[in-house]
Protein backbone atom coordinates (compact mmCIF):
# COMPACT_ATOMS: atom_id res chain seq x y z
CA THR A 1 105.54 102.20 84.59
CA VAL A 2 103.56 101.89 87.72
CA GLU A 3 99.85 103.50 88.16
CA ILE A 4 97.52 103.25 91.24
CA GLN A 5 94.35 104.88 91.89
CA ARG A 6 91.34 105.43 94.69
CA ARG A 7 88.34 106.89 94.49
CA VAL A 8 87.89 110.34 96.58
CA SER A 9 85.15 110.11 99.00
CA ARG A 10 84.88 113.86 99.84
CA PRO A 11 86.14 117.04 98.11
CA ILE A 12 89.89 117.56 98.57
CA VAL A 13 92.78 119.97 96.93
CA VAL A 14 96.04 118.56 96.15
CA PHE A 15 98.75 121.23 96.67
CA GLY A 16 101.94 118.98 96.83
CA LEU A 17 104.08 115.65 96.62
CA ALA A 18 106.69 114.41 98.50
CA LEU A 19 109.00 111.79 97.44
CA ASN A 20 111.61 109.45 98.76
CA ALA A 21 113.01 106.78 96.74
CA ARG A 22 115.67 104.14 96.97
CA LEU A 23 117.81 104.50 94.14
CA HIS A 24 119.81 101.90 92.36
CA ALA A 25 123.61 101.68 92.83
CA GLY A 26 125.55 102.44 90.12
CA VAL A 27 122.63 103.66 87.45
CA PRO A 28 123.54 106.29 85.15
CA GLY A 29 122.60 110.01 85.82
CA SER A 30 120.95 110.33 82.79
CA GLN A 31 118.14 108.18 83.95
CA THR A 32 114.86 109.75 86.13
CA THR A 33 112.15 108.49 88.04
CA THR A 34 109.24 110.83 87.81
CA VAL A 35 106.00 110.50 89.84
CA THR A 36 102.75 112.37 88.73
CA VAL A 37 99.50 112.86 90.45
CA MET A 38 96.64 111.96 88.27
CA LYS A 39 92.98 112.72 88.21
CA ASN A 40 90.73 110.33 86.58
CA GLY A 41 93.53 109.05 84.48
CA VAL A 42 94.84 112.06 83.05
CA ALA A 43 98.32 113.71 84.29
CA THR A 44 98.27 116.76 86.46
CA ALA A 45 100.79 119.61 86.92
CA VAL A 46 101.51 118.06 90.62
CA LEU A 47 104.75 115.93 89.97
CA VAL A 48 108.35 115.04 91.07
CA ALA A 49 111.25 114.15 89.04
CA LEU A 50 114.28 112.35 90.73
CA PRO A 51 117.29 112.17 88.51
CA ASP A 52 119.10 108.89 89.57
CA GLY A 53 122.68 109.50 91.52
CA THR A 54 121.70 112.97 92.59
CA THR A 55 119.00 112.97 95.14
CA THR A 56 116.54 110.65 97.40
CA ILE A 57 114.14 113.02 98.45
CA ALA A 58 112.14 115.69 96.64
CA PHE A 59 108.93 117.95 97.21
CA THR A 60 106.90 119.67 94.88
CA ALA A 61 104.65 122.66 95.79
CA ASN A 62 102.86 125.87 94.23
CA VAL A 63 100.73 123.63 91.88
CA SER A 64 97.41 122.50 93.03
CA VAL A 65 94.69 120.42 91.79
CA SER A 66 90.98 120.21 93.00
CA PHE A 67 89.20 116.61 93.16
CA ALA A 68 85.55 116.44 93.76
CA GLU A 69 83.64 113.65 95.39
CA GLY A 70 84.07 110.77 93.28
CA ASP A 71 86.97 111.64 91.12
CA LEU A 72 89.74 109.04 90.57
CA LEU A 73 93.17 110.14 92.33
CA GLY A 74 96.23 108.09 91.32
CA MET A 75 100.12 108.11 91.12
CA ARG A 76 101.84 107.17 88.14
CA ILE A 77 105.34 106.16 88.71
CA VAL A 78 107.75 106.33 85.49
CA SER A 79 111.39 105.18 85.07
CA THR A 80 113.31 106.16 81.94
CA GLY A 81 116.01 103.35 80.69
CA THR A 82 116.19 100.51 83.35
CA LEU A 83 114.20 100.62 86.32
CA ALA A 84 115.93 103.65 88.07
CA ALA A 85 114.38 103.35 91.50
CA THR A 86 113.01 100.94 94.42
CA ASP A 87 111.30 101.56 97.24
CA VAL A 88 109.55 104.43 96.08
CA GLN A 89 107.20 106.31 98.69
CA ALA A 90 105.21 108.85 97.79
CA THR A 91 102.83 111.12 99.93
CA VAL A 92 99.92 113.47 98.62
CA LYS A 93 99.87 116.83 100.39
CA GLN A 94 96.20 117.78 100.27
CA TYR A 95 93.40 119.60 102.25
């Protein structure tokens, strides 16, 4: 599990998450890498899961979460089993 976070300097609404990951070759399809947007250390409904061996690009939309000035915006990356993905690039869509 890897988690990064930063403090929000102005009110925003996160309305999507784009994920691009380079997956390990030969990793069984039963393993998954999931990226979740966190608010003040708590998981939100904004997340993307990449099943290994199927795709390297995913996007979630139609889910949003509001952040106030001073809130912590974070991303948690979790891989099941053996580390499933390398070079994970996640982009938060916000306004």
